[in-house]
PDB file of N, CA and C in Angstrom:
ATOM      1  N   UNK A   1       0.707  -1.132  -0.098  1.00  0.00           N
ATOM      2  CA  UNK A   1      -0.065   0.073  -0.101  1.00  0.00           C
ATOM      3  C   UNK A   1       0.743   1.216   0.165  1.00  0.00           C
ATOM      4  N   UNK A   2       0.730   2.153  -0.940  1.00  0.00           N
ATOM      5  CA  UNK A   2       1.599   3.304  -1.075  1.00  0.00           C
ATOM      6  C   UNK A   2       0.746   4.463  -0.364  1.00  0.00           C
ATOM      7  N   UNK A   3       1.562   4.992   0.697  1.00  0.00           N
ATOM      8  CA  UNK A   3       1.027   6.238   1.360  1.00  0.00           C
ATOM      9  C   UNK A   3       0.968   7.513   0.438  1.00  0.00           C
ATOM     10  N   UNK A   4      -0.133   8.224   0.690  1.00  0.00           N
ATOM     11  CA  UNK A   4      -0.220   9.519  -0.198  1.00  0.00           C
ATOM     12  C   UNK A   4       0.227  10.612   0.673  1.00  0.00           C
ATOM     13  N   UNK A   5       0.647  11.520   0.054  1.00  0.00           N
ATOM     14  CA  UNK A   5       1.143  12.897   0.547  1.00  0.00           C
ATOM     15  C   UNK A   5      -0.157  13.464   1.285  1.00  0.00           C
ATOM     16  N   UNK A   6       0.068  14.165   2.335  1.00  0.00           N
ATOM     17  CA  UNK A   6      -1.011  15.084   2.850  1.00  0.00           C
ATOM     18  C   UNK A   6      -1.448  16.246   1.654  1.00  0.00           C
ATOM     19  N   UNK A   7      -0.437  16.803   1.082  1.00  0.00           N
ATOM     20  CA  UNK A   7      -0.721  17.772   0.107  1.00  0.00           C
ATOM     21  C   UNK A   7      -1.622  17.374  -1.038  1.00  0.00           C
ATOM     22  N   UNK A   8      -1.450  16.236  -1.407  1.00  0.00           N
ATOM     23  CA  UNK A   8      -1.996  15.430  -2.544  1.00  0.00           C
ATOM     24  C   UNK A   8      -3.419  15.135  -2.031  1.00  0.00           C
ATOM     25  N   UNK A   9      -3.651  14.786  -0.829  1.00  0.00           N
ATOM     26  CA  UNK A   9      -5.009  14.328  -0.334  1.00  0.00           C
ATOM     27  C   UNK A   9      -5.968  15.608  -0.021  1.00  0.00           C
ATOM     28  N   UNK A  10      -5.200  16.768   0.078  1.00  0.00           N
ATOM     29  CA  UNK A  10      -5.961  17.867   0.496  1.00  0.00           C
ATOM     30  C   UNK A  10      -6.423  18.574  -0.860  1.00  0.00           C
ATOM     31  N   UNK A  11      -5.817  18.332  -1.817  1.00  0.00           N
ATOM     32  CA  UNK A  11      -6.283  18.801  -3.108  1.00  0.00           C
ATOM     33  C   UNK A  11      -7.163  20.096  -3.181  1.00  0.00           C
ATOM     34  N   UNK A  12      -6.497  21.153  -2.742  1.00  0.00           N
ATOM     35  CA  UNK A  12      -7.210  22.485  -2.872  1.00  0.00           C
ATOM     36  C   UNK A  12      -8.019  22.709  -1.606  1.00  0.00           C
ATOM     37  N   UNK A  13      -8.007  21.753  -0.507  1.00  0.00           N
ATOM     38  CA  UNK A  13      -8.742  22.002   0.768  1.00  0.00           C
ATOM     39  C   UNK A  13      -7.860  22.855   1.513  1.00  0.00           C
ATOM     40  N   UNK A  14      -8.481  23.551   2.509  1.00  0.00           N
ATOM     41  CA  UNK A  14      -7.584  24.354   3.352  1.00  0.00           C
ATOM     42  C   UNK A  14      -7.073  23.902   4.587  1.00  0.00           C
ATOM     43  N   UNK A  15      -7.841  22.681   5.210  1.00  0.00           N
ATOM     44  CA  UNK A  15      -7.689  22.341   6.683  1.00  0.00           C
ATOM     45  C   UNK A  15      -7.081  20.988   6.837  1.00  0.00           C
ATOM     46  N   UNK A  16      -5.836  20.869   7.116  1.00  0.00           N
ATOM     47  CA  UNK A  16      -5.378  19.742   7.532  1.00  0.00           C
ATOM     48  C   UNK A  16      -5.858  19.195   8.524  1.00  0.00           C
ATOM     49  N   UNK A  17      -6.572  19.901   9.731  1.00  0.00           N
ATOM     50  CA  UNK A  17      -7.048  19.300  10.688  1.00  0.00           C
ATOM     51  C   UNK A  17      -8.582  18.688  10.339  1.00  0.00           C
ATOM     52  N   UNK A  18      -9.323  19.126   9.310  1.00  0.00           N
ATOM     53  CA  UNK A  18     -10.389  18.521   8.658  1.00  0.00           C
ATOM     54  C   UNK A  18     -10.094  17.095   8.344  1.00  0.00           C
ATOM     55  N   UNK A  19      -8.857  17.007   7.642  1.00  0.00           N
ATOM     56  CA  UNK A  19      -8.431  15.670   6.990  1.00  0.00           C
ATOM     57  C   UNK A  19      -8.169  14.851   8.131  1.00  0.00           C
ATOM     58  N   UNK A  20      -7.440  15.215   9.090  1.00  0.00           N
ATOM     59  CA  UNK A  20      -7.184  14.325  10.289  1.00  0.00           C
ATOM     60  C   UNK A  20      -8.091  13.762  10.991  1.00  0.00           C
ATOM     61  N   UNK A  21      -9.124  14.672  11.156  1.00  0.00           N
ATOM     62  CA  UNK A  21     -10.540  14.223  11.847  1.00  0.00           C
ATOM     63  C   UNK A  21     -11.180  13.360  10.987  1.00  0.00           C
ATOM     64  N   UNK A  22     -11.363  13.689   9.636  1.00  0.00           N
ATOM     65  CA  UNK A  22     -11.997  12.723   8.788  1.00  0.00           C
ATOM     66  C   UNK A  22     -11.335  11.390   8.644  1.00  0.00           C
ATOM     67  N   UNK A  23      -9.983  11.363   8.465  1.00  0.00           N
ATOM     68  CA  UNK A  23      -9.325  10.001   8.556  1.00  0.00           C
ATOM     69  C   UNK A  23      -9.615   9.138   9.775  1.00  0.00           C
ATOM     70  N   UNK A  24      -9.492   9.919  10.984  1.00  0.00           N
ATOM     71  CA  UNK A  24      -9.809   9.301  12.248  1.00  0.00           C
ATOM     72  C   UNK A  24     -11.157   8.599  12.350  1.00  0.00           C
ATOM     73  N   UNK A  25     -12.065   9.442  12.122  1.00  0.00           N
ATOM     74  CA  UNK A  25     -13.494   9.030  11.963  1.00  0.00           C
ATOM     75  C   UNK A  25     -13.645   7.656  10.996  1.00  0.00           C
ATOM     76  N   UNK A  26     -13.211   7.948   9.940  1.00  0.00           N
ATOM     77  CA  UNK A  26     -13.317   6.607   8.993  1.00  0.00           C
ATOM     78  C   UNK A  26     -12.527   5.448   9.626  1.00  0.00           C
ATOM     79  N   UNK A  27     -11.357   5.625  10.198  1.00  0.00           N
ATOM     80  CA  UNK A  27     -10.603   4.506  10.804  1.00  0.00           C
ATOM     81  C   UNK A  27     -11.403   3.838  11.993  1.00  0.00           C
ATOM     82  N   UNK A  28     -12.069   4.592  12.580  1.00  0.00           N
ATOM     83  CA  UNK A  28     -13.138   4.087  13.720  1.00  0.00           C
ATOM     84  C   UNK A  28     -14.222   3.174  13.129  1.00  0.00           C
ATOM     85  N   UNK A  29     -14.790   3.849  11.976  1.00  0.00           N
ATOM     86  CA  UNK A  29     -15.834   3.030  11.248  1.00  0.00           C
ATOM     87  C   UNK A  29     -15.281   1.847  10.973  1.00  0.00           C
ATOM     88  N   UNK A  30     -14.115   1.759  10.227  1.00  0.00           N
ATOM     89  CA  UNK A  30     -13.482   0.506   9.739  1.00  0.00           C
ATOM     90  C   UNK A  30     -13.321  -0.555  10.801  1.00  0.00           C
ATOM     91  N   UNK A  31     -12.757  -0.010  11.853  1.00  0.00           N
ATOM     92  CA  UNK A  31     -12.484  -0.819  13.240  1.00  0.00           C
ATOM     93  C   UNK A  31     -13.748  -1.613  13.716  1.00  0.00           C
ATOM     94  N   UNK A  32     -14.810  -0.741  13.728  1.00  0.00           N
ATOM     95  CA  UNK A  32     -15.898  -1.318  14.264  1.00  0.00           C
ATOM     96  C   UNK A  32     -16.653  -2.217  13.161  1.00  0.00           C
ATOM     97  N   UNK A  33     -16.499  -1.892  11.900  1.00  0.00           N
ATOM     98  CA  UNK A  33     -17.041  -2.795  10.965  1.00  0.00           C
ATOM     99  C   UNK A  33     -16.444  -4.224  11.159  1.00  0.00           C
ATOM    100  N   UNK A  34     -14.906  -4.162  11.342  1.00  0.00           N
ATOM    101  CA  UNK A  34     -14.108  -5.533  11.355  1.00  0.00           C
ATOM    102  C   UNK A  34     -14.610  -6.234  12.712  1.00  0.00           C
ATOM    103  N   UNK A  35     -14.723  -5.328  13.844  1.00  0.00           N
ATOM    104  CA  UNK A  35     -15.214  -6.051  14.972  1.00  0.00           C
ATOM    105  C   UNK A  35     -16.628  -6.609  14.921  1.00  0.00           C
ATOM    106  N   UNK A  36     -17.560  -6.057  14.242  1.00  0.00           N
ATOM    107  CA  UNK A  36     -18.781  -6.345  14.174  1.00  0.00           C
ATOM    108  C   UNK A  36     -18.833  -7.695  13.365  1.00  0.00           C
ATOM    109  N   UNK A  37     -18.049  -7.689  12.271  1.00  0.00           N
ATOM    110  CA  UNK A  37     -18.167  -8.862  11.341  1.00  0.00           C
ATOM    111  C   UNK A  37     -17.226 -10.002  11.666  1.00  0.00           C
ATOM    112  N   UNK A  38     -16.488  -9.795  12.614  1.00  0.00           N
ATOM    113  CA  UNK A  38     -15.396 -10.979  13.098  1.00  0.00           C
ATOM    114  C   UNK A  38     -14.336 -11.032  12.231  1.00  0.00           C
ATOM    115  N   UNK A  39     -13.990  -9.911  11.560  1.00  0.00           N
ATOM    116  CA  UNK A  39     -12.845  -9.856  10.490  1.00  0.00           C
ATOM    117  C   UNK A  39     -11.487  -9.621  11.352  1.00  0.00           C
ATOM    118  N   UNK A  40     -10.563 -10.603  10.941  1.00  0.00           N
ATOM    119  CA  UNK A  40      -9.107 -10.502  11.647  1.00  0.00           C
ATOM    120  C   UNK A  40      -8.100 -10.088  10.430  1.00  0.00           C
ATOM    121  N   UNK A  41      -7.527  -9.101  10.533  1.00  0.00           N
ATOM    122  CA  UNK A  41      -6.715  -8.659   9.477  1.00  0.00           C
ATOM    123  C   UNK A  41      -5.322  -8.040  10.211  1.00  0.00           C
ATOM    124  N   UNK A  42      -4.301  -8.026   9.211  1.00  0.00           N
ATOM    125  CA  UNK A  42      -3.073  -7.331   9.777  1.00  0.00           C
ATOM    126  C   UNK A  42      -2.988  -5.809   9.287  1.00  0.00           C
ATOM    127  N   UNK A  43      -4.090  -5.622   8.563  1.00  0.00           N
ATOM    128  CA  UNK A  43      -4.131  -4.141   7.860  1.00  0.00           C
ATOM    129  C   UNK A  43      -4.567  -3.069   9.023  1.00  0.00           C
ATOM    130  N   UNK A  44      -4.038  -2.047   9.095  1.00  0.00           N
ATOM    131  CA  UNK A  44      -4.146  -1.137  10.201  1.00  0.00           C
ATOM    132  C   UNK A  44      -5.547  -0.259   9.731  1.00  0.00           C
ATOM    133  N   UNK A  45      -6.676  -0.147  10.500  1.00  0.00           N
ATOM    134  CA  UNK A  45      -7.476   0.738  10.125  1.00  0.00           C
ATOM    135  C   UNK A  45      -7.159   2.099   9.585  1.00  0.00           C
ATOM    136  N   UNK A  46      -6.304   2.593  10.276  1.00  0.00           N
ATOM    137  CA  UNK A  46      -5.807   4.111   9.800  1.00  0.00           C
ATOM    138  C   UNK A  46      -5.106   4.166   8.344  1.00  0.00           C
ATOM    139  N   UNK A  47      -4.506   3.100   7.986  1.00  0.00           N
ATOM    140  CA  UNK A  47      -4.030   3.077   6.690  1.00  0.00           C
ATOM    141  C   UNK A  47      -5.149   2.812   5.803  1.00  0.00           C
ATOM    142  N   UNK A  48      -6.088   1.986   6.087  1.00  0.00           N
ATOM    143  CA  UNK A  48      -7.183   1.717   5.350  1.00  0.00           C
ATOM    144  C   UNK A  48      -8.031   3.079   5.085  1.00  0.00           C
ATOM    145  N   UNK A  49      -8.202   3.630   5.955  1.00  0.00           N
ATOM    146  CA  UNK A  49      -9.015   5.027   5.940  1.00  0.00           C
ATOM    147  C   UNK A  49      -8.202   5.995   5.090  1.00  0.00           C
ATOM    148  N   UNK A  50      -6.822   5.972   5.137  1.00  0.00           N
ATOM    149  CA  UNK A  50      -5.954   7.010   4.452  1.00  0.00           C
ATOM    150  C   UNK A  50      -6.164   6.584   2.929  1.00  0.00           C
ATOM    151  N   UNK A  51      -6.227   5.347   2.672  1.00  0.00           N
ATOM    152  CA  UNK A  51      -6.542   4.767   1.297  1.00  0.00           C
ATOM    153  C   UNK A  51      -7.672   5.327   0.683  1.00  0.00           C
ATOM    154  N   UNK A  52      -8.891   5.061   1.518  1.00  0.00           N
ATOM    155  CA  UNK A  52     -10.113   5.632   1.235  1.00  0.00           C
ATOM    156  C   UNK A  52     -10.178   6.993   0.767  1.00  0.00           C
ATOM    157  N   UNK A  53      -9.537   7.886   1.364  1.00  0.00           N
ATOM    158  CA  UNK A  53      -9.534   9.330   0.959  1.00  0.00           C
ATOM    159  C   UNK A  53      -8.564   9.602  -0.138  1.00  0.00           C
ATOM    160  N   UNK A  54      -7.488   8.917  -0.250  1.00  0.00           N
ATOM    161  CA  UNK A  54      -6.581   8.804  -1.413  1.00  0.00           C
ATOM    162  C   UNK A  54      -7.389   8.394  -2.656  1.00  0.00           C
ATOM    163  N   UNK A  55      -8.168   7.400  -2.790  1.00  0.00           N
ATOM    164  CA  UNK A  55      -8.736   7.004  -3.711  1.00  0.00           C
ATOM    165  C   UNK A  55     -10.298   7.645  -4.087  1.00  0.00           C
ATOM    166  N   UNK A  56     -10.512   8.795  -3.392  1.00  0.00           N
ATOM    167  CA  UNK A  56     -11.515   9.490  -3.289  1.00  0.00           C
ATOM    168  C   UNK A  56     -12.921   8.734  -3.251  1.00  0.00           C
ATOM    169  N   UNK A  57     -12.834   7.694  -2.356  1.00  0.00           N
ATOM    170  CA  UNK A  57     -13.985   6.914  -1.887  1.00  0.00           C
ATOM    171  C   UNK A  57     -14.631   7.861  -0.832  1.00  0.00           C
ATOM    172  N   UNK A  58     -13.963   8.717  -0.069  1.00  0.00           N
ATOM    173  CA  UNK A  58     -14.456   9.532   0.875  1.00  0.00           C
ATOM    174  C   UNK A  58     -13.780  10.975   0.654  1.00  0.00           C
ATOM    175  N   UNK A  59     -14.529  12.048   0.931  1.00  0.00           N
ATOM    176  CA  UNK A  59     -13.847  13.364   0.639  1.00  0.00           C
ATOM    177  C   UNK A  59     -14.216  14.099   1.838  1.00  0.00           C
ATOM    178  N   UNK A  60     -13.352  15.102   2.058  1.00  0.00           N
ATOM    179  CA  UNK A  60     -13.490  16.189   3.244  1.00  0.00           C
ATOM    180  C   UNK A  60     -14.391  17.403   2.571  1.00  0.00           C
ATOM    181  N   UNK A  61     -15.576  17.720   3.367  1.00  0.00           N
ATOM    182  CA  UNK A  61     -16.506  18.553   3.047  1.00  0.00           C
ATOM    183  C   UNK A  61     -16.165  19.826   3.842  1.00  0.00           C
ATOM    184  N   UNK A  62     -15.845  20.977   3.375  1.00  0.00           N
ATOM    185  CA  UNK A  62     -15.545  22.093   4.047  1.00  0.00           C
ATOM    186  C   UNK A  62     -16.660  23.099   3.794  1.00  0.00           C
ATOM    187  N   UNK A  63     -17.108  23.813   4.801  1.00  0.00           N
ATOM    188  CA  UNK A  63     -17.985  25.056   4.537  1.00  0.00           C
ATOM    189  C   UNK A  63     -17.667  25.939   3.723  1.00  0.00           C
ATOM    190  N   UNK A  64     -18.517  26.563   2.863  1.00  0.00           N
ATOM    191  CA  UNK A  64     -18.180  27.441   1.602  1.00  0.00           C
ATOM    192  C   UNK A  64     -17.945  28.822   2.489  1.00  0.00           C
ATOM    193  N   UNK A  65     -16.984  29.593   1.994  1.00  0.00           N
ATOM    194  CA  UNK A  65     -16.480  30.756   2.637  1.00  0.00           C
ATOM    195  C   UNK A  65     -17.726  31.829   2.708  1.00  0.00           C
ATOM    196  N   UNK A  66     -17.815  32.376   3.850  1.00  0.00           N
ATOM    197  CA  UNK A  66     -18.911  33.404   3.866  1.00  0.00           C
ATOM    198  C   UNK A  66     -18.353  34.754   3.620  1.00  0.00           C
ATOM    199  N   UNK A  67     -18.951  35.368   2.638  1.00  0.00           N
ATOM    200  CA  UNK A  67     -18.386  36.725   2.289  1.00  0.00           C
ATOM    201  C   UNK A  67     -19.390  37.632   2.698  1.00  0.00           C
TER     202      UNK A  67
END
């Protein structure tokens, strides 16, 4: 699994914090799915979550700028 750079994953977004929170939430979802389904794997949920964002399966939505 190739790790993506944070800059590439942000792709025009402003907030690294939003990316970190999004990846953490997705990783918790993955871990919970594994636990509920009895899946045992060597793959780390955080790395799978990063891959989901890198492959645009999930995106970070930021509020539009107020003018």
